[in-house]
Every structure is written in structure tokens, then in C-alpha cells.
């Protein structure tokens, strides 16, 4: 199946062309807090209670999840490589913001209780090095929660390049193409198969607790037709519990735990 093709190299491909828009290079952050974001926050809290814990949103964008973590009583932090996004996050009232890359986090070892990577790993320069950093900064028993694109999802949500022209939007069946062709169309973002993402996140000291799938929130559909969005949500969220249907979800959801220190 296309989703289980091994990753040929850590970079997604050649990388986005020079001058690529931020939406291509970095993905679009959560600009608005809607049903899809509320649902993901509930999923995060199911695996990692936030109150009173040191929580990092790695690749925080404009800080919507950082603000949500803080509202849940967490000591919330956010980091991103895009300074303009951090400026906007500060304007929106997000606390604890730092400009940093995932491959080199500015935290001492064993200082964070929870690290969340929400649709970020597909954009970093080195996904495996980023996961090693996540393992390093987590406290023993700490939790990493990773959402990443699923290669079996029928749409590519990061847009495509056609003759170096970037076309943003949901493009059908691109991720089902052979990887060399898929990477020519989407040089700016990875999509992972099931075994592939488990290998990428298998950093020393991290133990996989859960691997499941998440379908979209369909918020854009809801803005046009509430009944259609309700129908899609009911069908897709039921599919998340189906052995076959869940494999075609929008994103992998991996929950990893930092192993306890050896006495």
C-alpha cells in the first residue's frame, strides 16, 4: 500500500522552491478556534492532563493552542521558527513564546511534561532529529503527542506545485501516487505511512503508547452547510473506531511516553 512505502530521506524531497509562501513552507497554523481545534484539544487532554504541567506546543504558529493550554491551567510554552507568527501570537495573548527550531530546542534535558506537535513534523528539516530533541527535553514519564499527515487520506491538504506554481487547497489522490511523483508535486510537506511514522518517532527513550487516526473537523464545510458537516462528522468519527476506516483518516495520532530514568 502507498502509505507504507519507506522514507527515502529525512527531507520531504527537494524542499519548497525559493520564495515559497509560508503556507507552503510552514503550513497554515490554526488562525481561528473552531470545532476541529476543540476536538483536538480534548484528544490531547485525554492522553495528557494539562493542569499544572509544563506543556510545549512545538511549531505553535499564532499561538491558539498555547492560549488554550494556558486556559486549562498549564504552564504553557510555544516555539516556532517564524518570527512574524510569534509576533501575532504575542498580540493575541499567548504566553511563553520562543523562536526556535524543533531540531534544537532551548530547554534543558528533562524539563517538560508534555510536548505537542500538531501537524508540524512534516515541515521540519529533520523529523528524526526533532523527535530526538523531544525525547531529550521530556521529563521521565512525560508525554509527546504527535499529529501528522496520513498518506492514505484521499486528499493532500498542503496544496501542490505545478510547474513551480503553488496551488493551495485540498487536492485529491496526490498522496496515493508513487512517492517520487508525489514528492515532485508536494516538495514542501511529508505524508507518512503507518509503519513509517512509527519508525520516525522511535527516538531513544520514547515508548509508543497509542497509534490511532483523526479525521478532520469539517469546519469549512460547516460554514456552508451545517447538516452536511454533521453528516460527515458522524460518518468519519465513527470510522475512527473502525479497523479499516480509521486507516484513511486525515492524520496519524501517536502518543509516546518518555521512559523512566534507570536507577
C-alpha atoms as a PDB file:
ATOM      1  CA  UNK A   1       0.000   0.000   0.000  1.00  0.00           C
ATOM      2  CA  UNK A   2       1.287   3.512  -0.719  1.00  0.00           C
ATOM      3  CA  UNK A   3       1.116   4.552   2.909  1.00  0.00           C
ATOM      4  CA  UNK A   4       3.775   2.044   3.970  1.00  0.00           C
ATOM      5  CA  UNK A   5       6.478   2.989   1.474  1.00  0.00           C
ATOM      6  CA  UNK A   6       9.692   3.621   3.452  1.00  0.00           C
ATOM      7  CA  UNK A   7      11.020   7.139   3.740  1.00  0.00           C
ATOM      8  CA  UNK A   8      13.912   7.563   1.341  1.00  0.00           C
ATOM      9  CA  UNK A   9      15.456  10.528   3.150  1.00  0.00           C
ATOM     10  CA  UNK A  10      14.677  12.787   6.069  1.00  0.00           C
ATOM     11  CA  UNK A  11      13.912  15.933   3.993  1.00  0.00           C
ATOM     12  CA  UNK A  12      10.483  15.728   2.319  1.00  0.00           C
ATOM     13  CA  UNK A  13      12.094  15.948  -1.123  1.00  0.00           C
ATOM     14  CA  UNK A  14      13.963  18.816  -2.710  1.00  0.00           C
ATOM     15  CA  UNK A  15      12.173  21.255  -0.420  1.00  0.00           C
ATOM     16  CA  UNK A  16       9.877  24.097  -1.500  1.00  0.00           C
ATOM     17  CA  UNK A  17      11.167  26.437  -4.218  1.00  0.00           C
ATOM     18  CA  UNK A  18      12.910  29.647  -3.225  1.00  0.00           C
ATOM     19  CA  UNK A  19      10.425  32.317  -2.305  1.00  0.00           C
ATOM     20  CA  UNK A  20       7.695  29.815  -1.467  1.00  0.00           C
ATOM     21  CA  UNK A  21       4.826  31.266   0.580  1.00  0.00           C
ATOM     22  CA  UNK A  22       4.623  30.495   4.287  1.00  0.00           C
ATOM     23  CA  UNK A  23       1.562  28.317   3.701  1.00  0.00           C
ATOM     24  CA  UNK A  24       3.782  26.004   1.651  1.00  0.00           C
ATOM     25  CA  UNK A  25       6.977  26.205   3.708  1.00  0.00           C
ATOM     26  CA  UNK A  26       5.444  26.050   7.173  1.00  0.00           C
ATOM     27  CA  UNK A  27       1.817  25.031   6.733  1.00  0.00           C
ATOM     28  CA  UNK A  28      -1.144  27.105   7.806  1.00  0.00           C
ATOM     29  CA  UNK A  29      -1.483  27.463  11.587  1.00  0.00           C
ATOM     30  CA  UNK A  30      -4.791  27.487  13.445  1.00  0.00           C
ATOM     31  CA  UNK A  31      -5.873  31.095  12.953  1.00  0.00           C
ATOM     32  CA  UNK A  32      -9.382  30.572  14.345  1.00  0.00           C
ATOM     33  CA  UNK A  33     -10.544  28.438  17.276  1.00  0.00           C
ATOM     34  CA  UNK A  34     -13.283  26.183  15.927  1.00  0.00           C
ATOM     35  CA  UNK A  35     -14.791  22.721  16.429  1.00  0.00           C
ATOM     36  CA  UNK A  36     -11.810  20.923  14.908  1.00  0.00           C
ATOM     37  CA  UNK A  37      -9.398  22.628  17.302  1.00  0.00           C
ATOM     38  CA  UNK A  38     -11.654  21.981  20.295  1.00  0.00           C
ATOM     39  CA  UNK A  39     -11.808  18.315  19.372  1.00  0.00           C
ATOM     40  CA  UNK A  40      -8.023  18.008  19.120  1.00  0.00           C
ATOM     41  CA  UNK A  41      -7.610  19.753  22.452  1.00  0.00           C
ATOM     42  CA  UNK A  42      -9.975  17.197  24.014  1.00  0.00           C
ATOM     43  CA  UNK A  43      -7.915  14.387  22.474  1.00  0.00           C
ATOM     44  CA  UNK A  44      -4.701  15.878  23.875  1.00  0.00           C
ATOM     45  CA  UNK A  45      -6.232  16.169  27.345  1.00  0.00           C
ATOM     46  CA  UNK A  46      -7.445  12.577  27.178  1.00  0.00           C
ATOM     47  CA  UNK A  47      -3.864  11.375  26.954  1.00  0.00           C
ATOM     48  CA  UNK A  48      -2.099  14.124  28.891  1.00  0.00           C
ATOM     49  CA  UNK A  49      -3.904  16.184  31.551  1.00  0.00           C
ATOM     50  CA  UNK A  50      -2.641  19.751  31.225  1.00  0.00           C
ATOM     51  CA  UNK A  51      -3.384  21.495  34.525  1.00  0.00           C
ATOM     52  CA  UNK A  52      -0.235  22.324  36.457  1.00  0.00           C
ATOM     53  CA  UNK A  53       2.095  20.801  33.875  1.00  0.00           C
ATOM     54  CA  UNK A  54       4.817  22.318  31.685  1.00  0.00           C
ATOM     55  CA  UNK A  55       3.459  21.996  28.145  1.00  0.00           C
ATOM     56  CA  UNK A  56       5.218  22.970  24.903  1.00  0.00           C
ATOM     57  CA  UNK A  57       3.409  23.493  21.608  1.00  0.00           C
ATOM     58  CA  UNK A  58       6.254  22.838  19.172  1.00  0.00           C
ATOM     59  CA  UNK A  59       5.513  24.770  15.985  1.00  0.00           C
ATOM     60  CA  UNK A  60       2.909  26.924  17.698  1.00  0.00           C
ATOM     61  CA  UNK A  61       2.097  29.245  14.788  1.00  0.00           C
ATOM     62  CA  UNK A  62      -0.005  32.143  16.044  1.00  0.00           C
ATOM     63  CA  UNK A  63      -0.413  30.558  19.475  1.00  0.00           C
ATOM     64  CA  UNK A  64      -4.037  29.419  19.575  1.00  0.00           C
ATOM     65  CA  UNK A  65      -3.178  26.112  21.257  1.00  0.00           C
ATOM     66  CA  UNK A  66      -0.725  27.833  23.615  1.00  0.00           C
ATOM     67  CA  UNK A  67      -3.545  30.063  24.827  1.00  0.00           C
ATOM     68  CA  UNK A  68      -5.849  27.053  25.133  1.00  0.00           C
ATOM     69  CA  UNK A  69      -3.252  25.114  27.162  1.00  0.00           C
ATOM     70  CA  UNK A  70      -2.813  28.091  29.490  1.00  0.00           C
ATOM     71  CA  UNK A  71      -6.586  28.366  29.920  1.00  0.00           C
ATOM     72  CA  UNK A  72      -6.566  24.726  31.054  1.00  0.00           C
ATOM     73  CA  UNK A  73      -4.130  25.607  33.836  1.00  0.00           C
ATOM     74  CA  UNK A  74      -0.908  24.535  32.140  1.00  0.00           C
ATOM     75  CA  UNK A  75       2.396  26.385  32.306  1.00  0.00           C
ATOM     76  CA  UNK A  76       2.154  26.844  28.537  1.00  0.00           C
ATOM     77  CA  UNK A  77       5.034  27.473  26.148  1.00  0.00           C
ATOM     78  CA  UNK A  78       5.168  27.824  22.393  1.00  0.00           C
ATOM     79  CA  UNK A  79       8.025  27.799  19.905  1.00  0.00           C
ATOM     80  CA  UNK A  80       8.133  28.412  16.170  1.00  0.00           C
ATOM     81  CA  UNK A  81      10.767  29.279  13.578  1.00  0.00           C
ATOM     82  CA  UNK A  82       8.620  32.022  12.015  1.00  0.00           C
ATOM     83  CA  UNK A  83       9.121  35.250  13.971  1.00  0.00           C
ATOM     84  CA  UNK A  84       6.135  37.065  12.383  1.00  0.00           C
ATOM     85  CA  UNK A  85       3.854  34.300  13.611  1.00  0.00           C
ATOM     86  CA  UNK A  86       5.246  34.652  17.110  1.00  0.00           C
ATOM     87  CA  UNK A  87       4.617  38.397  16.974  1.00  0.00           C
ATOM     88  CA  UNK A  88       0.993  37.696  16.097  1.00  0.00           C
ATOM     89  CA  UNK A  89       0.792  35.037  18.830  1.00  0.00           C
ATOM     90  CA  UNK A  90       2.032  37.631  21.344  1.00  0.00           C
ATOM     91  CA  UNK A  91      -0.546  40.122  20.092  1.00  0.00           C
ATOM     92  CA  UNK A  92      -3.242  37.506  20.685  1.00  0.00           C
ATOM     93  CA  UNK A  93      -2.072  36.996  24.250  1.00  0.00           C
ATOM     94  CA  UNK A  94      -0.212  33.706  24.026  1.00  0.00           C
ATOM     95  CA  UNK A  95       2.362  33.318  26.844  1.00  0.00           C
ATOM     96  CA  UNK A  96       5.831  31.773  26.905  1.00  0.00           C
ATOM     97  CA  UNK A  97       6.862  32.242  23.270  1.00  0.00           C
ATOM     98  CA  UNK A  98      10.304  31.384  21.870  1.00  0.00           C
ATOM     99  CA  UNK A  99      11.788  31.415  18.395  1.00  0.00           C
ATOM    100  CA  UNK A 100      13.419  28.014  17.907  1.00  0.00           C
ATOM    101  CA  UNK A 101      13.647  25.066  15.541  1.00  0.00           C
ATOM    102  CA  UNK A 102      12.480  21.623  16.539  1.00  0.00           C
ATOM    103  CA  UNK A 103      15.933  20.168  15.925  1.00  0.00           C
ATOM    104  CA  UNK A 104      17.462  22.419  18.607  1.00  0.00           C
ATOM    105  CA  UNK A 105      15.082  23.206  21.433  1.00  0.00           C
ATOM    106  CA  UNK A 106      16.245  25.806  24.012  1.00  0.00           C
ATOM    107  CA  UNK A 107      15.357  23.692  27.043  1.00  0.00           C
ATOM    108  CA  UNK A 108      17.442  21.677  29.463  1.00  0.00           C
ATOM    109  CA  UNK A 109      17.045  17.914  29.412  1.00  0.00           C
ATOM    110  CA  UNK A 110      14.069  16.552  31.309  1.00  0.00           C
ATOM    111  CA  UNK A 111      12.271  19.861  31.882  1.00  0.00           C
ATOM    112  CA  UNK A 112       8.924  19.499  30.048  1.00  0.00           C
ATOM    113  CA  UNK A 113       5.970  17.327  30.988  1.00  0.00           C
ATOM    114  CA  UNK A 114       4.145  17.394  27.648  1.00  0.00           C
ATOM    115  CA  UNK A 115       5.259  18.240  24.097  1.00  0.00           C
ATOM    116  CA  UNK A 116       2.614  18.592  21.385  1.00  0.00           C
ATOM    117  CA  UNK A 117       3.486  18.514  17.681  1.00  0.00           C
ATOM    118  CA  UNK A 118       0.265  19.352  15.856  1.00  0.00           C
ATOM    119  CA  UNK A 119       0.814  18.930  12.102  1.00  0.00           C
ATOM    120  CA  UNK A 120       4.405  20.149  12.431  1.00  0.00           C
ATOM    121  CA  UNK A 121       6.714  17.164  11.925  1.00  0.00           C
ATOM    122  CA  UNK A 122       6.001  17.080   8.188  1.00  0.00           C
ATOM    123  CA  UNK A 123       7.531  20.560   7.804  1.00  0.00           C
ATOM    124  CA  UNK A 124      10.707  20.396   9.881  1.00  0.00           C
ATOM    125  CA  UNK A 125      14.065  19.998   8.179  1.00  0.00           C
ATOM    126  CA  UNK A 126      14.911  16.775  10.039  1.00  0.00           C
ATOM    127  CA  UNK A 127      11.989  14.888  11.544  1.00  0.00           C
ATOM    128  CA  UNK A 128      14.080  12.247  13.312  1.00  0.00           C
ATOM    129  CA  UNK A 129      16.366  14.840  14.916  1.00  0.00           C
ATOM    130  CA  UNK A 130      13.276  16.726  16.076  1.00  0.00           C
ATOM    131  CA  UNK A 131      11.935  13.614  17.780  1.00  0.00           C
ATOM    132  CA  UNK A 132      15.300  13.052  19.467  1.00  0.00           C
ATOM    133  CA  UNK A 133      15.041  16.583  20.862  1.00  0.00           C
ATOM    134  CA  UNK A 134      11.514  15.893  22.063  1.00  0.00           C
ATOM    135  CA  UNK A 135      12.781  12.807  23.896  1.00  0.00           C
ATOM    136  CA  UNK A 136      15.623  14.823  25.418  1.00  0.00           C
ATOM    137  CA  UNK A 137      13.503  17.634  26.865  1.00  0.00           C
ATOM    138  CA  UNK A 138      10.707  15.440  28.271  1.00  0.00           C
ATOM    139  CA  UNK A 139      10.714  14.527  31.927  1.00  0.00           C
ATOM    140  CA  UNK A 140      10.765  10.794  32.761  1.00  0.00           C
ATOM    141  CA  UNK A 141       7.167   9.707  32.325  1.00  0.00           C
ATOM    142  CA  UNK A 142       6.457  12.783  30.173  1.00  0.00           C
ATOM    143  CA  UNK A 143       4.218  12.577  27.109  1.00  0.00           C
ATOM    144  CA  UNK A 144       4.683  13.517  23.451  1.00  0.00           C
ATOM    145  CA  UNK A 145       1.549  13.850  21.317  1.00  0.00           C
ATOM    146  CA  UNK A 146       2.104  13.902  17.573  1.00  0.00           C
ATOM    147  CA  UNK A 147      -0.414  14.626  14.810  1.00  0.00           C
ATOM    148  CA  UNK A 148       0.998  14.152  11.292  1.00  0.00           C
ATOM    149  CA  UNK A 149      -0.492  13.752   7.798  1.00  0.00           C
ATOM    150  CA  UNK A 150      -1.598  10.263   6.827  1.00  0.00           C
ATOM    151  CA  UNK A 151      -0.550   9.187   3.350  1.00  0.00           C
ATOM    152  CA  UNK A 152      -3.712   7.148   2.909  1.00  0.00           C
ATOM    153  CA  UNK A 153      -6.004  10.154   3.380  1.00  0.00           C
ATOM    154  CA  UNK A 154      -7.594  10.759  -0.041  1.00  0.00           C
ATOM    155  CA  UNK A 155      -6.678  14.472  -0.160  1.00  0.00           C
ATOM    156  CA  UNK A 156      -3.386  16.344   0.070  1.00  0.00           C
ATOM    157  CA  UNK A 157      -4.164  19.328   2.282  1.00  0.00           C
ATOM    158  CA  UNK A 158      -0.912  21.261   1.784  1.00  0.00           C
ATOM    159  CA  UNK A 159      -1.505  22.155  -1.851  1.00  0.00           C
ATOM    160  CA  UNK A 160       0.709  21.221  -4.799  1.00  0.00           C
ATOM    161  CA  UNK A 161       3.280  22.722  -7.135  1.00  0.00           C
ATOM    162  CA  UNK A 162       2.542  22.565 -10.855  1.00  0.00           C
ATOM    163  CA  UNK A 163       5.461  23.860 -12.908  1.00  0.00           C
ATOM    164  CA  UNK A 164       6.703  25.759  -9.848  1.00  0.00           C
ATOM    165  CA  UNK A 165       3.308  27.439  -9.392  1.00  0.00           C
ATOM    166  CA  UNK A 166       1.889  26.847  -5.935  1.00  0.00           C
ATOM    167  CA  UNK A 167      -1.772  25.872  -5.816  1.00  0.00           C
ATOM    168  CA  UNK A 168      -3.219  25.873  -2.310  1.00  0.00           C
ATOM    169  CA  UNK A 169      -6.124  23.630  -1.386  1.00  0.00           C
ATOM    170  CA  UNK A 170      -7.213  20.032  -0.934  1.00  0.00           C
ATOM    171  CA  UNK A 171      -6.020  18.061  -3.945  1.00  0.00           C
ATOM    172  CA  UNK A 172      -7.421  14.534  -4.365  1.00  0.00           C
ATOM    173  CA  UNK A 173      -5.358  11.338  -4.618  1.00  0.00           C
ATOM    174  CA  UNK A 174      -1.932  13.018  -4.711  1.00  0.00           C
ATOM    175  CA  UNK A 175      -0.652  11.047  -1.722  1.00  0.00           C
ATOM    176  CA  UNK A 176      -1.616   7.766  -3.377  1.00  0.00           C
ATOM    177  CA  UNK A 177       0.838   8.389  -6.218  1.00  0.00           C
ATOM    178  CA  UNK A 178       4.290   6.733  -6.219  1.00  0.00           C
ATOM    179  CA  UNK A 179       6.485   8.638  -3.798  1.00  0.00           C
ATOM    180  CA  UNK A 180       8.886  10.209  -6.371  1.00  0.00           C
ATOM    181  CA  UNK A 181       5.944  11.694  -8.266  1.00  0.00           C
ATOM    182  CA  UNK A 182       4.120  12.682  -5.085  1.00  0.00           C
ATOM    183  CA  UNK A 183       7.236  14.485  -3.824  1.00  0.00           C
ATOM    184  CA  UNK A 184       7.591  16.394  -7.079  1.00  0.00           C
ATOM    185  CA  UNK A 185       4.071  17.724  -6.614  1.00  0.00           C
ATOM    186  CA  UNK A 186       4.418  18.244  -2.846  1.00  0.00           C
ATOM    187  CA  UNK A 187       8.081  19.037  -2.151  1.00  0.00           C
ATOM    188  CA  UNK A 188       7.136  21.142   0.884  1.00  0.00           C
ATOM    189  CA  UNK A 189       5.478  18.630   3.225  1.00  0.00           C
ATOM    190  CA  UNK A 190       5.799  14.956   4.095  1.00  0.00           C
ATOM    191  CA  UNK A 191       2.964  12.463   4.400  1.00  0.00           C
ATOM    192  CA  UNK A 192       3.564   9.286   6.371  1.00  0.00           C
ATOM    193  CA  UNK A 193       2.547   5.666   6.211  1.00  0.00           C
ATOM    194  CA  UNK A 194       1.743   3.827   9.428  1.00  0.00           C
ATOM    195  CA  UNK A 195       4.969   1.870   9.880  1.00  0.00           C
ATOM    196  CA  UNK A 196       6.953   4.798   8.529  1.00  0.00           C
ATOM    197  CA  UNK A 197       5.801   7.280  11.170  1.00  0.00           C
ATOM    198  CA  UNK A 198       6.364   4.739  13.934  1.00  0.00           C
ATOM    199  CA  UNK A 199       9.974   4.418  12.789  1.00  0.00           C
ATOM    200  CA  UNK A 200      10.441   8.186  12.582  1.00  0.00           C
ATOM    201  CA  UNK A 201       9.097   8.758  16.102  1.00  0.00           C
ATOM    202  CA  UNK A 202      11.051   5.854  17.625  1.00  0.00           C
ATOM    203  CA  UNK A 203      13.625   8.115  19.274  1.00  0.00           C
ATOM    204  CA  UNK A 204      15.764   6.592  22.047  1.00  0.00           C
ATOM    205  CA  UNK A 205      13.905   6.807  25.334  1.00  0.00           C
ATOM    206  CA  UNK A 206      10.436   7.162  23.802  1.00  0.00           C
ATOM    207  CA  UNK A 207       7.905   4.343  24.043  1.00  0.00           C
ATOM    208  CA  UNK A 208       4.839   4.238  21.793  1.00  0.00           C
ATOM    209  CA  UNK A 209       1.679   4.184  23.906  1.00  0.00           C
ATOM    210  CA  UNK A 210      -1.011   4.603  21.246  1.00  0.00           C
ATOM    211  CA  UNK A 211      -1.249   4.942  17.467  1.00  0.00           C
ATOM    212  CA  UNK A 212      -4.626   5.927  16.100  1.00  0.00           C
ATOM    213  CA  UNK A 213      -6.128   8.246  13.482  1.00  0.00           C
ATOM    214  CA  UNK A 214      -8.093  11.506  13.406  1.00  0.00           C
ATOM    215  CA  UNK A 215     -10.488  12.752  10.742  1.00  0.00           C
ATOM    216  CA  UNK A 216     -10.951  16.481  10.022  1.00  0.00           C
ATOM    217  CA  UNK A 217     -13.259  18.840  11.859  1.00  0.00           C
ATOM    218  CA  UNK A 218     -15.022  19.862   8.608  1.00  0.00           C
ATOM    219  CA  UNK A 219     -15.304  23.442   9.876  1.00  0.00           C
ATOM    220  CA  UNK A 220     -15.145  24.932   6.377  1.00  0.00           C
ATOM    221  CA  UNK A 221     -17.970  22.614   5.324  1.00  0.00           C
ATOM    222  CA  UNK A 222     -19.962  23.663   8.406  1.00  0.00           C
ATOM    223  CA  UNK A 223     -19.618  27.316   7.392  1.00  0.00           C
ATOM    224  CA  UNK A 224     -21.547  26.479   4.207  1.00  0.00           C
ATOM    225  CA  UNK A 225     -23.812  23.651   5.328  1.00  0.00           C
ATOM    226  CA  UNK A 226     -24.257  22.587   8.934  1.00  0.00           C
ATOM    227  CA  UNK A 227     -26.268  19.480   8.111  1.00  0.00           C
ATOM    228  CA  UNK A 228     -23.617  18.240   5.667  1.00  0.00           C
ATOM    229  CA  UNK A 229     -20.878  18.851   8.251  1.00  0.00           C
ATOM    230  CA  UNK A 230     -22.884  16.914  10.865  1.00  0.00           C
ATOM    231  CA  UNK A 231     -23.285  14.046   8.411  1.00  0.00           C
ATOM    232  CA  UNK A 232     -19.567  13.966   7.556  1.00  0.00           C
ATOM    233  CA  UNK A 233     -18.530  14.196  11.200  1.00  0.00           C
ATOM    234  CA  UNK A 234     -20.862  11.397  12.236  1.00  0.00           C
ATOM    235  CA  UNK A 235     -19.614   9.084   9.488  1.00  0.00           C
ATOM    236  CA  UNK A 236     -15.912   9.886   9.806  1.00  0.00           C
ATOM    237  CA  UNK A 237     -15.742   9.925  13.598  1.00  0.00           C
ATOM    238  CA  UNK A 238     -17.452   6.540  13.588  1.00  0.00           C
ATOM    239  CA  UNK A 239     -14.798   5.393  11.096  1.00  0.00           C
ATOM    240  CA  UNK A 240     -12.070   6.327  13.605  1.00  0.00           C
ATOM    241  CA  UNK A 241     -13.198   3.303  15.621  1.00  0.00           C
ATOM    242  CA  UNK A 242     -13.292   1.040  12.571  1.00  0.00           C
ATOM    243  CA  UNK A 243     -10.306  -1.183  11.892  1.00  0.00           C
ATOM    244  CA  UNK A 244     -10.378  -0.361   8.176  1.00  0.00           C
ATOM    245  CA  UNK A 245     -11.994   3.083   8.075  1.00  0.00           C
ATOM    246  CA  UNK A 246      -9.573   4.679  10.506  1.00  0.00           C
ATOM    247  CA  UNK A 247      -6.622   3.904   8.225  1.00  0.00           C
ATOM    248  CA  UNK A 248      -7.868   6.603   5.832  1.00  0.00           C
ATOM    249  CA  UNK A 249      -8.084   9.388   8.425  1.00  0.00           C
ATOM    250  CA  UNK A 250      -6.605  12.813   7.869  1.00  0.00           C
ATOM    251  CA  UNK A 251      -3.834  12.397  10.441  1.00  0.00           C
ATOM    252  CA  UNK A 252      -1.944   9.831  12.427  1.00  0.00           C
ATOM    253  CA  UNK A 253      -2.154  10.382  16.160  1.00  0.00           C
ATOM    254  CA  UNK A 254       0.785   8.997  18.118  1.00  0.00           C
ATOM    255  CA  UNK A 255       1.146   9.160  21.869  1.00  0.00           C
ATOM    256  CA  UNK A 256       4.640   8.466  23.197  1.00  0.00           C
ATOM    257  CA  UNK A 257       5.973   8.360  26.722  1.00  0.00           C
ATOM    258  CA  UNK A 258       9.450   9.174  27.949  1.00  0.00           C
ATOM    259  CA  UNK A 259      10.763   6.118  29.728  1.00  0.00           C
ATOM    260  CA  UNK A 260      11.505   6.429  33.420  1.00  0.00           C
ATOM    261  CA  UNK A 261      15.135   7.009  34.290  1.00  0.00           C
ATOM    262  CA  UNK A 262      17.057   3.898  35.198  1.00  0.00           C
ATOM    263  CA  UNK A 263      18.004   3.951  38.927  1.00  0.00           C
END
